[in-house]
């Protein structure tokens, strides 16, 4: 099982803050997971297709090429701005 969390405006755009999905070998990376979620259509495609998409696996920032394993916690969130 993979536990997912969506933060900030992603949570608002998707209308969900968390969910769990069964892990399969087809979900070998966060990119595979993102692509699977985008197959849901709008607003998933636009929200997770954002060029500034940030992600974390097991509370460590990573990129979409990060390997994904059964039991992982994944978070997707928009870019952070500061001033």
Protein backbone atom coordinates (compact mmCIF):
# COMPACT_ATOMS: atom_id res chain seq x y z
CA UNK A 1 0.00 0.00 0.00
CA UNK A 2 1.18 3.54 -0.79
CA UNK A 3 -0.03 6.40 1.37
CA UNK A 4 -0.44 9.71 -0.46
CA UNK A 5 -0.81 13.24 0.86
CA UNK A 6 -1.60 16.40 -1.08
CA UNK A 7 -0.67 19.78 0.37
CA UNK A 8 -1.53 23.47 0.00
CA UNK A 9 -3.36 24.40 -3.20
CA UNK A 10 -3.03 20.83 -4.53
CA UNK A 11 -5.29 19.68 -1.71
CA UNK A 12 -7.80 22.38 -2.64
CA UNK A 13 -7.64 21.74 -6.40
CA UNK A 14 -8.01 17.97 -6.03
CA UNK A 15 -10.58 18.09 -3.23
CA UNK A 16 -8.69 15.47 -1.23
CA UNK A 17 -5.92 15.64 1.35
CA UNK A 18 -4.86 12.00 1.49
CA UNK A 19 -5.56 8.53 0.15
CA UNK A 20 -4.06 5.06 -0.03
CA UNK A 21 -3.46 3.08 -3.19
CA UNK A 22 -2.31 -0.50 -3.67
CA UNK A 23 1.30 -0.72 -4.78
CA UNK A 24 2.04 -2.75 -7.91
CA UNK A 25 5.32 -3.35 -9.80
CA UNK A 26 4.01 -0.98 -12.51
CA UNK A 27 4.49 1.82 -9.96
CA UNK A 28 8.28 1.63 -9.99
CA UNK A 29 8.85 5.38 -9.49
CA UNK A 30 7.09 8.52 -8.38
CA UNK A 31 6.81 9.44 -12.06
CA UNK A 32 4.82 6.24 -12.67
CA UNK A 33 2.58 7.11 -9.73
CA UNK A 34 2.07 10.69 -10.92
CA UNK A 35 1.22 9.43 -14.42
CA UNK A 36 -1.27 6.91 -13.01
CA UNK A 37 -2.97 9.66 -10.98
CA UNK A 38 -3.06 11.98 -14.02
CA UNK A 39 -5.03 9.30 -15.89
CA UNK A 40 -7.97 10.26 -13.67
CA UNK A 41 -8.42 13.32 -15.87
CA UNK A 42 -9.04 16.87 -14.69
CA UNK A 43 -8.15 18.36 -12.26
CA UNK A 44 -5.50 15.66 -11.70
CA UNK A 45 -3.80 16.15 -15.06
CA UNK A 46 -3.33 19.89 -14.64
CA UNK A 47 -2.48 19.84 -10.94
CA UNK A 48 0.10 17.04 -11.00
CA UNK A 49 1.42 17.98 -14.45
CA UNK A 50 2.58 21.32 -13.06
CA UNK A 51 6.22 22.02 -13.98
CA UNK A 52 7.01 23.02 -10.40
CA UNK A 53 5.61 19.84 -8.84
CA UNK A 54 7.49 18.96 -5.68
CA UNK A 55 7.40 15.56 -4.06
CA UNK A 56 8.71 13.63 -1.10
CA UNK A 57 9.05 9.94 -0.35
CA UNK A 58 9.11 8.91 3.28
CA UNK A 59 9.49 12.57 4.35
CA UNK A 60 12.58 13.23 2.19
CA UNK A 61 12.38 15.59 -0.78
CA UNK A 62 13.04 13.81 -4.04
CA UNK A 63 12.38 13.98 -7.76
CA UNK A 64 9.99 11.99 -9.91
CA UNK A 65 12.67 9.39 -10.73
CA UNK A 66 12.74 8.26 -7.09
CA UNK A 67 12.01 4.52 -6.78
CA UNK A 68 8.70 3.63 -5.17
CA UNK A 69 8.15 0.65 -2.87
CA UNK A 70 5.26 -0.96 -1.07
CA UNK A 71 4.67 0.84 2.23
CA UNK A 72 6.04 4.21 1.11
CA UNK A 73 4.55 7.53 2.13
CA UNK A 74 4.39 10.02 -0.74
CA UNK A 75 3.58 13.73 -0.67
CA UNK A 76 2.90 16.05 -3.59
CA UNK A 77 2.96 19.82 -3.12
CA UNK A 78 3.40 23.02 -5.12
CA UNK A 79 6.68 24.94 -5.17
CA UNK A 80 7.42 26.83 -1.99
CA UNK A 81 7.99 30.56 -2.25
CA UNK A 82 9.66 32.77 0.25
CA UNK A 83 10.65 36.33 0.71
